[in-house]
Structure formats: C-alpha cells, structure tokens
C-alpha cells in the first residue's frame, strides 16, 4: 500500500504540469496577440503619416504647377500683344488700344 501515494503523487505532478503548461500557453498566446495588434496599429499609424505627407506634397506641387501655368499664360499673353503691336508698327499703322 506504500506504492499508491507514489502513483497519486506522479499523477498529480503530471496533471499539474499539464495545467501549468496550458495556462502558460494561453498566456503566451494572449501576449503574442496583444503584441501583434500593437505592431499592426503602429504600422498603420506609420503608413497613415506617410500617406498624409504624400498628400501634402502632392497638393503643394499642384499649387506650384498651377501658379507656374498662370504665370506662363500671362507672359504668353503679353508676348502676343507685343507681337501684334510690332506687326502694326512694321506696317506703319498705329495699334488701337
């Protein structure tokens, strides 16, 4: 009858090991899930910041292009007026203003 306490001792140690292993596995799984969520949200914030910077740069360049286009249009208009004026003067006419 001395053998029985040893068997129960071994069985209880095995069960305890399984329970502790399961609890540790669940905790590790939970911790990895939390870490994965945090890393994913961090990556999303980083990507959103990059996209916002790209949008800002694109808007700035669009404004620059439109400003340059308007300036070139104004210069072209003045150049056409000057050519027309010179054309009139070359024919000996006075341009009407």
PDB file of N, CA and C in Angstrom:
ATOM      1  N   UNK A   1       0.797  -1.193   0.000  1.00  0.00           N
ATOM      2  CA  UNK A   1       0.000   0.000   0.000  1.00  0.00           C
ATOM      3  C   UNK A   1       0.843   1.262   0.000  1.00  0.00           C
ATOM      4  N   UNK A   2       2.101   1.132   0.098  1.00  0.00           N
ATOM      5  CA  UNK A   2       3.001   2.278   0.068  1.00  0.00           C
ATOM      6  C   UNK A   2       3.120   2.806  -1.360  1.00  0.00           C
ATOM      7  N   UNK A   3       2.871   1.960  -2.341  1.00  0.00           N
ATOM      8  CA  UNK A   3       3.023   2.323  -3.750  1.00  0.00           C
ATOM      9  C   UNK A   3       1.957   3.320  -4.177  1.00  0.00           C
ATOM     10  N   UNK A   4       0.771   3.280  -3.627  1.00  0.00           N
ATOM     11  CA  UNK A   4      -0.334   4.144  -4.038  1.00  0.00           C
ATOM     12  C   UNK A   4      -0.031   5.628  -3.881  1.00  0.00           C
ATOM     13  N   UNK A   5       0.517   6.069  -2.740  1.00  0.00           N
ATOM     14  CA  UNK A   5       0.806   7.500  -2.650  1.00  0.00           C
ATOM     15  C   UNK A   5       1.805   7.946  -3.707  1.00  0.00           C
ATOM     16  N   UNK A   6       2.742   7.083  -4.083  1.00  0.00           N
ATOM     17  CA  UNK A   6       3.696   7.458  -5.123  1.00  0.00           C
ATOM     18  C   UNK A   6       3.000   7.612  -6.473  1.00  0.00           C
ATOM     19  N   UNK A   7       2.052   6.750  -6.790  1.00  0.00           N
ATOM     20  CA  UNK A   7       1.310   6.831  -8.055  1.00  0.00           C
ATOM     21  C   UNK A   7       0.493   8.112  -8.088  1.00  0.00           C
ATOM     22  N   UNK A   8      -0.212   8.383  -6.968  1.00  0.00           N
ATOM     23  CA  UNK A   8      -1.004   9.610  -6.917  1.00  0.00           C
ATOM     24  C   UNK A   8      -0.109  10.843  -7.003  1.00  0.00           C
ATOM     25  N   UNK A   9       1.040  10.769  -6.431  1.00  0.00           N
ATOM     26  CA  UNK A   9       1.993  11.870  -6.482  1.00  0.00           C
ATOM     27  C   UNK A   9       2.436  12.115  -7.929  1.00  0.00           C
ATOM     28  N   UNK A  10       2.740  11.045  -8.641  1.00  0.00           N
ATOM     29  CA  UNK A  10       3.167  11.162 -10.043  1.00  0.00           C
ATOM     30  C   UNK A  10       2.023  11.685 -10.901  1.00  0.00           C
ATOM     31  N   UNK A  11       0.818  11.132 -10.691  1.00  0.00           N
ATOM     32  CA  UNK A  11      -0.354  11.569 -11.461  1.00  0.00           C
ATOM     33  C   UNK A  11      -0.640  13.041 -11.191  1.00  0.00           C
ATOM     34  N   UNK A  12      -0.589  13.449  -9.937  1.00  0.00           N
ATOM     35  CA  UNK A  12      -0.865  14.855  -9.606  1.00  0.00           C
ATOM     36  C   UNK A  12       0.206  15.770 -10.189  1.00  0.00           C
ATOM     37  N   UNK A  13       1.446  15.320 -10.230  1.00  0.00           N
ATOM     38  CA  UNK A  13       2.503  16.130 -10.838  1.00  0.00           C
ATOM     39  C   UNK A  13       2.291  16.256 -12.348  1.00  0.00           C
ATOM     40  N   UNK A  14       1.868  15.170 -12.980  1.00  0.00           N
ATOM     41  CA  UNK A  14       1.596  15.217 -14.424  1.00  0.00           C
ATOM     42  C   UNK A  14       0.439  16.161 -14.712  1.00  0.00           C
ATOM     43  N   UNK A  15      -0.641  16.015 -13.945  1.00  0.00           N
ATOM     44  CA  UNK A  15      -1.800  16.895 -14.131  1.00  0.00           C
ATOM     45  C   UNK A  15      -1.411  18.344 -13.864  1.00  0.00           C
ATOM     46  N   UNK A  16      -0.657  18.567 -12.812  1.00  0.00           N
ATOM     47  CA  UNK A  16      -0.189  19.927 -12.510  1.00  0.00           C
ATOM     48  C   UNK A  16       0.672  20.485 -13.628  1.00  0.00           C
ATOM     49  N   UNK A  17       1.542  19.646 -14.180  1.00  0.00           N
ATOM     50  CA  UNK A  17       2.385  20.084 -15.299  1.00  0.00           C
ATOM     51  C   UNK A  17       1.568  20.439 -16.522  1.00  0.00           C
ATOM     52  N   UNK A  18       0.544  19.615 -16.800  1.00  0.00           N
ATOM     53  CA  UNK A  18      -0.328  19.892 -17.950  1.00  0.00           C
ATOM     54  C   UNK A  18      -1.090  21.197 -17.738  1.00  0.00           C
ATOM     55  N   UNK A  19      -1.622  21.392 -16.530  1.00  0.00           N
ATOM     56  CA  UNK A  19      -2.374  22.619 -16.229  1.00  0.00           C
ATOM     57  C   UNK A  19      -1.470  23.842 -16.335  1.00  0.00           C
ATOM     58  N   UNK A  20      -0.300  23.765 -15.711  1.00  0.00           N
ATOM     59  CA  UNK A  20       0.638  24.892 -15.764  1.00  0.00           C
ATOM     60  C   UNK A  20       1.060  25.156 -17.209  1.00  0.00           C
ATOM     61  N   UNK A  21       1.342  24.098 -17.963  1.00  0.00           N
ATOM     62  CA  UNK A  21       1.720  24.255 -19.373  1.00  0.00           C
ATOM     63  C   UNK A  21       0.613  24.893 -20.187  1.00  0.00           C
ATOM     64  N   UNK A  22      -0.632  24.457 -19.924  1.00  0.00           N
ATOM     65  CA  UNK A  22      -1.776  25.028 -20.637  1.00  0.00           C
ATOM     66  C   UNK A  22      -1.947  26.502 -20.300  1.00  0.00           C
ATOM     67  N   UNK A  23      -1.864  26.825 -19.007  1.00  0.00           N
ATOM     68  CA  UNK A  23      -2.003  28.228 -18.583  1.00  0.00           C
ATOM     69  C   UNK A  23      -0.901  29.079 -19.205  1.00  0.00           C
ATOM     70  N   UNK A  24       0.324  28.589 -19.170  1.00  0.00           N
ATOM     71  CA  UNK A  24       1.434  29.337 -19.776  1.00  0.00           C
ATOM     72  C   UNK A  24       1.234  29.492 -21.284  1.00  0.00           C
ATOM     73  N   UNK A  25       0.738  28.442 -21.927  1.00  0.00           N
ATOM     74  CA  UNK A  25       0.467  28.515 -23.366  1.00  0.00           C
ATOM     75  C   UNK A  25      -0.589  29.550 -23.691  1.00  0.00           C
ATOM     76  N   UNK A  26      -1.667  29.570 -22.887  1.00  0.00           N
ATOM     77  CA  UNK A  26      -2.734  30.552 -23.092  1.00  0.00           C
ATOM     78  C   UNK A  26      -2.205  31.964 -22.864  1.00  0.00           C
ATOM     79  N   UNK A  27      -1.438  32.161 -21.794  1.00  0.00           N
ATOM     80  CA  UNK A  27      -0.870  33.485 -21.520  1.00  0.00           C
ATOM     81  C   UNK A  27       0.074  33.929 -22.633  1.00  0.00           C
ATOM     82  N   UNK A  28       0.896  33.025 -23.111  1.00  0.00           N
ATOM     83  CA  UNK A  28       1.821  33.352 -24.196  1.00  0.00           C
ATOM     84  C   UNK A  28       1.055  33.693 -25.468  1.00  0.00           C
ATOM     85  N   UNK A  29       0.029  32.925 -25.760  1.00  0.00           N
ATOM     86  CA  UNK A  29      -0.794  33.190 -26.939  1.00  0.00           C
ATOM     87  C   UNK A  29      -1.454  34.561 -26.834  1.00  0.00           C
ATOM     88  N   UNK A  30      -1.993  34.879 -25.661  1.00  0.00           N
ATOM     89  CA  UNK A  30      -2.619  36.184 -25.439  1.00  0.00           C
ATOM     90  C   UNK A  30      -1.598  37.307 -25.602  1.00  0.00           C
ATOM     91  N   UNK A  31      -0.416  37.139 -24.991  1.00  0.00           N
ATOM     92  CA  UNK A  31       0.626  38.171 -25.073  1.00  0.00           C
ATOM     93  C   UNK A  31       1.069  38.384 -26.515  1.00  0.00           C
ATOM     94  N   UNK A  32       1.212  37.301 -27.260  1.00  0.00           N
ATOM     95  CA  UNK A  32       1.597  37.436 -28.667  1.00  0.00           C
ATOM     96  C   UNK A  32       0.503  38.121 -29.478  1.00  0.00           C
ATOM     97  N   UNK A  33      -0.756  37.849 -29.156  1.00  0.00           N
ATOM     98  CA  UNK A  33      -1.871  38.529 -29.828  1.00  0.00           C
ATOM     99  C   UNK A  33      -1.858  40.019 -29.559  1.00  0.00           C
ATOM    100  N   UNK A  34      -1.637  40.389 -28.297  1.00  0.00           N
ATOM    101  CA  UNK A  34      -1.571  41.813 -27.936  1.00  0.00           C
ATOM    102  C   UNK A  34      -0.399  42.480 -28.647  1.00  0.00           C
ATOM    103  N   UNK A  35       0.742  41.830 -28.654  1.00  0.00           N
ATOM    104  CA  UNK A  35       1.924  42.376 -29.327  1.00  0.00           C
ATOM    105  C   UNK A  35       1.673  42.527 -30.822  1.00  0.00           C
ATOM    106  N   UNK A  36       1.055  41.540 -31.430  1.00  0.00           N
ATOM    107  CA  UNK A  36       0.755  41.599 -32.861  1.00  0.00           C
ATOM    108  C   UNK A  36      -0.197  42.748 -33.165  1.00  0.00           C
ATOM    109  N   UNK A  37      -1.233  42.924 -32.342  1.00  0.00           N
ATOM    110  CA  UNK A  37      -2.171  44.038 -32.532  1.00  0.00           C
ATOM    111  C   UNK A  37      -1.461  45.378 -32.406  1.00  0.00           C
ATOM    112  N   UNK A  38      -0.591  45.502 -31.417  1.00  0.00           N
ATOM    113  CA  UNK A  38       0.143  46.756 -31.209  1.00  0.00           C
ATOM    114  C   UNK A  38       1.045  47.055 -32.401  1.00  0.00           C
ATOM    115  N   UNK A  39       1.765  46.033 -32.876  1.00  0.00           N
ATOM    116  CA  UNK A  39       2.650  46.236 -34.025  1.00  0.00           C
ATOM    117  C   UNK A  39       1.860  46.608 -35.276  1.00  0.00           C
ATOM    118  N   UNK A  40       0.708  45.986 -35.457  1.00  0.00           N
ATOM    119  CA  UNK A  40      -0.124  46.287 -36.619  1.00  0.00           C
ATOM    120  C   UNK A  40      -0.650  47.718 -36.558  1.00  0.00           C
ATOM    121  N   UNK A  41      -1.120  48.147 -35.387  1.00  0.00           N
ATOM    122  CA  UNK A  41      -1.627  49.521 -35.268  1.00  0.00           C
ATOM    123  C   UNK A  41      -0.497  50.527 -35.441  1.00  0.00           C
ATOM    124  N   UNK A  42       0.686  50.185 -34.964  1.00  0.00           N
ATOM    125  CA  UNK A  42       1.852  51.063 -35.140  1.00  0.00           C
ATOM    126  C   UNK A  42       2.186  51.205 -36.625  1.00  0.00           C
ATOM    127  N   UNK A  43       2.148  50.099 -37.338  1.00  0.00           N
ATOM    128  CA  UNK A  43       2.430  50.119 -38.780  1.00  0.00           C
ATOM    129  C   UNK A  43       1.368  50.927 -39.525  1.00  0.00           C
ATOM    130  N   UNK A  44       0.106  50.795 -39.111  1.00  0.00           N
ATOM    131  CA  UNK A  44      -0.970  51.554 -39.744  1.00  0.00           C
ATOM    132  C   UNK A  44      -0.805  53.048 -39.498  1.00  0.00           C
ATOM    133  N   UNK A  45      -0.406  53.432 -38.273  1.00  0.00           N
ATOM    134  CA  UNK A  45      -0.168  54.853 -37.982  1.00  0.00           C
ATOM    135  C   UNK A  45       0.981  55.392 -38.825  1.00  0.00           C
ATOM    136  N   UNK A  46       2.015  54.577 -38.952  1.00  0.00           N
ATOM    137  CA  UNK A  46       3.171  54.978 -39.757  1.00  0.00           C
ATOM    138  C   UNK A  46       2.765  55.175 -41.219  1.00  0.00           C
ATOM    139  N   UNK A  47       1.993  54.238 -41.739  1.00  0.00           N
ATOM    140  CA  UNK A  47       1.545  54.317 -43.124  1.00  0.00           C
ATOM    141  C   UNK A  47       0.631  55.524 -43.325  1.00  0.00           C
ATOM    142  N   UNK A  48      -0.245  55.796 -42.370  1.00  0.00           N
ATOM    143  CA  UNK A  48      -1.132  56.954 -42.473  1.00  0.00           C
ATOM    144  C   UNK A  48      -0.329  58.252 -42.482  1.00  0.00           C
ATOM    145  N   UNK A  49       0.719  58.324 -41.672  1.00  0.00           N
ATOM    146  CA  UNK A  49       1.564  59.521 -41.645  1.00  0.00           C
ATOM    147  C   UNK A  49       2.280  59.707 -42.980  1.00  0.00           C
ATOM    148  N   UNK A  50       2.759  58.617 -43.555  1.00  0.00           N
ATOM    149  CA  UNK A  50       3.438  58.695 -44.855  1.00  0.00           C
ATOM    150  C   UNK A  50       2.459  59.144 -45.936  1.00  0.00           C
ATOM    151  N   UNK A  51       1.249  58.581 -45.924  1.00  0.00           N
ATOM    152  CA  UNK A  51       0.245  58.963 -46.916  1.00  0.00           C
ATOM    153  C   UNK A  51      -0.159  60.423 -46.757  1.00  0.00           C
ATOM    154  N   UNK A  52      -0.272  60.897 -45.525  1.00  0.00           N
ATOM    155  CA  UNK A  52      -0.611  62.304 -45.293  1.00  0.00           C
ATOM    156  C   UNK A  52       0.490  63.215 -45.833  1.00  0.00           C
ATOM    157  N   UNK A  53       1.734  62.837 -45.624  1.00  0.00           N
ATOM    158  CA  UNK A  53       2.861  63.628 -46.146  1.00  0.00           C
ATOM    159  C   UNK A  53       2.853  63.627 -47.675  1.00  0.00           C
ATOM    160  N   UNK A  54       2.561  62.479 -48.273  1.00  0.00           N
ATOM    161  CA  UNK A  54       2.475  62.414 -49.732  1.00  0.00           C
ATOM    162  C   UNK A  54       1.340  63.292 -50.258  1.00  0.00           C
ATOM    163  N   UNK A  55       0.191  63.271 -49.587  1.00  0.00           N
ATOM    164  CA  UNK A  55      -0.937  64.119 -49.986  1.00  0.00           C
ATOM    165  C   UNK A  55      -0.571  65.595 -49.887  1.00  0.00           C
ATOM    166  N   UNK A  56       0.114  65.967 -48.798  1.00  0.00           N
ATOM    167  CA  UNK A  56       0.519  67.361 -48.615  1.00  0.00           C
ATOM    168  C   UNK A  56       1.493  67.784 -49.710  1.00  0.00           C
ATOM    169  N   UNK A  57       2.458  66.930 -50.006  1.00  0.00           N
ATOM    170  CA  UNK A  57       3.442  67.232 -51.048  1.00  0.00           C
ATOM    171  C   UNK A  57       2.770  67.330 -52.414  1.00  0.00           C
ATOM    172  N   UNK A  58       1.831  66.437 -52.672  1.00  0.00           N
ATOM    173  CA  UNK A  58       1.125  66.466 -53.952  1.00  0.00           C
ATOM    174  C   UNK A  58       0.333  67.764 -54.102  1.00  0.00           C
ATOM    175  N   UNK A  59      -0.358  68.183 -53.054  1.00  0.00           N
ATOM    176  CA  UNK A  59      -1.128  69.428 -53.108  1.00  0.00           C
ATOM    177  C   UNK A  59      -0.197  70.627 -53.314  1.00  0.00           C
ATOM    178  N   UNK A  60       0.937  70.617 -52.643  1.00  0.00           N
ATOM    179  CA  UNK A  60       1.902  71.710 -52.788  1.00  0.00           C
ATOM    180  C   UNK A  60       2.427  71.778 -54.224  1.00  0.00           C
ATOM    181  N   UNK A  61       2.745  70.644 -54.782  1.00  0.00           N
ATOM    182  CA  UNK A  61       3.247  70.625 -56.165  1.00  0.00           C
ATOM    183  C   UNK A  61       2.161  71.021 -57.152  1.00  0.00           C
ATOM    184  N   UNK A  62       0.935  70.609 -56.895  1.00  0.00           N
ATOM    185  CA  UNK A  62      -0.172  71.008 -57.770  1.00  0.00           C
ATOM    186  C   UNK A  62      -0.328  72.522 -57.759  1.00  0.00           C
ATOM    187  N   UNK A  63      -0.253  73.133 -56.560  1.00  0.00           N
ATOM    188  CA  UNK A  63      -0.343  74.601 -56.477  1.00  0.00           C
ATOM    189  C   UNK A  63       0.799  75.256 -57.244  1.00  0.00           C
ATOM    190  N   UNK A  64       2.002  74.717 -57.105  1.00  0.00           N
ATOM    191  CA  UNK A  64       3.158  75.275 -57.809  1.00  0.00           C
ATOM    192  C   UNK A  64       2.965  75.185 -59.317  1.00  0.00           C
ATOM    193  N   UNK A  65       2.494  74.044 -59.792  1.00  0.00           N
ATOM    194  CA  UNK A  65       2.268  73.865 -61.231  1.00  0.00           C
ATOM    195  C   UNK A  65       1.221  74.851 -61.733  1.00  0.00           C
ATOM    196  N   UNK A  66       0.124  75.000 -60.984  1.00  0.00           N
ATOM    197  CA  UNK A  66      -0.920  75.933 -61.411  1.00  0.00           C
ATOM    198  C   UNK A  66      -0.417  77.377 -61.397  1.00  0.00           C
ATOM    199  N   UNK A  67       0.381  77.739 -60.398  1.00  0.00           N
ATOM    200  CA  UNK A  67       0.956  79.088 -60.349  1.00  0.00           C
ATOM    201  C   UNK A  67       1.879  79.328 -61.536  1.00  0.00           C
ATOM    202  N   UNK A  68       2.734  78.354 -61.837  1.00  0.00           N
ATOM    203  CA  UNK A  68       3.641  78.495 -62.980  1.00  0.00           C
ATOM    204  C   UNK A  68       2.867  78.565 -64.290  1.00  0.00           C
ATOM    205  N   UNK A  69       1.815  77.775 -64.396  1.00  0.00           N
ATOM    206  CA  UNK A  69       0.986  77.786 -65.598  1.00  0.00           C
ATOM    207  C   UNK A  69       0.327  79.153 -65.787  1.00  0.00           C
ATOM    208  N   UNK A  70      -0.180  79.717 -64.700  1.00  0.00           N
ATOM    209  CA  UNK A  70      -0.802  81.041 -64.785  1.00  0.00           C
ATOM    210  C   UNK A  70       0.232  82.093 -65.177  1.00  0.00           C
ATOM    211  N   UNK A  71       1.426  82.010 -64.608  1.00  0.00           N
ATOM    212  CA  UNK A  71       2.484  82.973 -64.940  1.00  0.00           C
ATOM    213  C   UNK A  71       2.888  82.840 -66.405  1.00  0.00           C
ATOM    214  N   UNK A  72       3.029  81.609 -66.888  1.00  0.00           N
ATOM    215  CA  UNK A  72       3.374  81.406 -68.296  1.00  0.00           C
ATOM    216  C   UNK A  72       2.265  81.910 -69.212  1.00  0.00           C
ATOM    217  N   UNK A  73       1.026  81.695 -68.813  1.00  0.00           N
ATOM    218  CA  UNK A  73      -0.104  82.190 -69.603  1.00  0.00           C
ATOM    219  C   UNK A  73      -0.090  83.706 -69.694  1.00  0.00           C
ATOM    220  N   UNK A  74       0.204  84.364 -68.580  1.00  0.00           N
ATOM    221  CA  UNK A  74       0.261  85.832 -68.571  1.00  0.00           C
ATOM    222  C   UNK A  74       1.416  86.324 -69.440  1.00  0.00           C
ATOM    223  N   UNK A  75       2.564  85.660 -69.342  1.00  0.00           N
ATOM    224  CA  UNK A  75       3.713  86.047 -70.174  1.00  0.00           C
ATOM    225  C   UNK A  75       3.407  85.824 -71.651  1.00  0.00           C
ATOM    226  N   UNK A  76       2.749  84.735 -71.980  1.00  0.00           N
ATOM    227  CA  UNK A  76       2.392  84.458 -73.377  1.00  0.00           C
ATOM    228  C   UNK A  76       1.429  85.517 -73.895  1.00  0.00           C
ATOM    229  N   UNK A  77       0.487  85.928 -73.072  1.00  0.00           N
ATOM    230  CA  UNK A  77      -0.469  86.963 -73.474  1.00  0.00           C
ATOM    231  C   UNK A  77       0.253  88.280 -73.761  1.00  0.00           C
ATOM    232  N   UNK A  78       1.163  88.654 -72.868  1.00  0.00           N
ATOM    233  CA  UNK A  78       1.931  89.889 -73.080  1.00  0.00           C
ATOM    234  C   UNK A  78       2.805  89.778 -74.327  1.00  0.00           C
ATOM    235  N   UNK A  79       3.379  88.618 -74.582  1.00  0.00           N
ATOM    236  CA  UNK A  79       4.210  88.424 -75.774  1.00  0.00           C
ATOM    237  C   UNK A  79       3.365  88.540 -77.038  1.00  0.00           C
ATOM    238  N   UNK A  80       2.150  87.978 -77.034  1.00  0.00           N
ATOM    239  CA  UNK A  80       1.261  88.101 -78.197  1.00  0.00           C
ATOM    240  C   UNK A  80       0.881  89.556 -78.439  1.00  0.00           C
ATOM    241  N   UNK A  81       0.581  90.266 -77.360  1.00  0.00           N
ATOM    242  CA  UNK A  81       0.246  91.691 -77.510  1.00  0.00           C
ATOM    243  C   UNK A  81       1.424  92.459 -78.105  1.00  0.00           C
ATOM    244  N   UNK A  82       2.636  92.162 -77.652  1.00  0.00           N
ATOM    245  CA  UNK A  82       3.823  92.856 -78.165  1.00  0.00           C
ATOM    246  C   UNK A  82       4.041  92.532 -79.642  1.00  0.00           C
ATOM    247  N   UNK A  83       3.837  91.275 -80.024  1.00  0.00           N
ATOM    248  CA  UNK A  83       3.990  90.900 -81.433  1.00  0.00           C
ATOM    249  C   UNK A  83       2.957  91.601 -82.311  1.00  0.00           C
ATOM    250  N   UNK A  84       1.745  91.660 -81.843  1.00  0.00           N
ATOM    251  CA  UNK A  84       0.694  92.346 -82.603  1.00  0.00           C
ATOM    252  C   UNK A  84       1.041  93.828 -82.738  1.00  0.00           C
ATOM    253  N   UNK A  85       1.485  94.440 -81.655  1.00  0.00           N
ATOM    254  CA  UNK A  85       1.869  95.855 -81.673  1.00  0.00           C
ATOM    255  C   UNK A  85       3.008  96.076 -82.677  1.00  0.00           C
ATOM    256  N   UNK A  86       4.026  95.209 -82.642  1.00  0.00           N
ATOM    257  CA  UNK A  86       5.153  95.320 -83.574  1.00  0.00           C
ATOM    258  C   UNK A  86       4.696  95.112 -85.011  1.00  0.00           C
ATOM    259  N   UNK A  87       3.751  94.218 -85.210  1.00  0.00           N
ATOM    260  CA  UNK A  87       3.218  93.973 -86.549  1.00  0.00           C
ATOM    261  C   UNK A  87       2.536  95.226 -87.092  1.00  0.00           C
ATOM    262  N   UNK A  88       1.748  95.886 -86.247  1.00  0.00           N
ATOM    263  CA  UNK A  88       1.093  97.124 -86.661  1.00  0.00           C
ATOM    264  C   UNK A  88       2.135  98.192 -86.979  1.00  0.00           C
ATOM    265  N   UNK A  89       3.122  98.337 -86.113  1.00  0.00           N
ATOM    266  CA  UNK A  89       4.152  99.359 -86.309  1.00  0.00           C
ATOM    267  C   UNK A  89       4.977  99.077 -87.564  1.00  0.00           C
ATOM    268  N   UNK A  90       5.237  97.812 -87.855  1.00  0.00           N
ATOM    269  CA  UNK A  90       6.007  97.463 -89.059  1.00  0.00           C
ATOM    270  C   UNK A  90       5.250  97.836 -90.322  1.00  0.00           C
ATOM    271  N   UNK A  91       3.925  97.795 -90.276  1.00  0.00           N
ATOM    272  CA  UNK A  91       3.115  98.178 -91.439  1.00  0.00           C
ATOM    273  C   UNK A  91       2.857  99.674 -91.465  1.00  0.00           C
ATOM    274  N   UNK A  92       3.312 100.356 -90.465  1.00  0.00           N
ATOM    275  CA  UNK A  92       3.122 101.802 -90.405  1.00  0.00           C
ATOM    276  C   UNK A  92       1.774 102.200 -89.836  1.00  0.00           C
ATOM    277  N   UNK A  93       1.105 101.309 -89.189  1.00  0.00           N
ATOM    278  CA  UNK A  93      -0.191 101.622 -88.581  1.00  0.00           C
ATOM    279  C   UNK A  93       0.001 101.830 -87.082  1.00  0.00           C
ATOM    280  N   UNK A  94      -0.934 102.535 -86.530  1.00  0.00           N
ATOM    281  CA  UNK A  94      -0.921 102.741 -85.083  1.00  0.00           C
ATOM    282  C   UNK A  94      -1.947 101.773 -84.483  1.00  0.00           C
ATOM    283  N   UNK A  95      -1.508 100.922 -83.572  1.00  0.00           N
ATOM    284  CA  UNK A  95      -2.462  99.961 -82.987  1.00  0.00           C
ATOM    285  C   UNK A  95      -3.514 100.658 -82.131  1.00  0.00           C
ATOM    286  N   UNK A  96      -4.734 100.154 -82.214  1.00  0.00           N
ATOM    287  CA  UNK A  96      -5.815 100.685 -81.375  1.00  0.00           C
ATOM    288  C   UNK A  96      -5.731 100.015 -80.014  1.00  0.00           C
ATOM    289  N   UNK A  97      -5.871 100.822 -79.003  1.00  0.00           N
ATOM    290  CA  UNK A  97      -5.763 100.301 -77.643  1.00  0.00           C
ATOM    291  C   UNK A  97      -7.122  99.970 -77.098  1.00  0.00           C
TER     292      UNK A  97
END
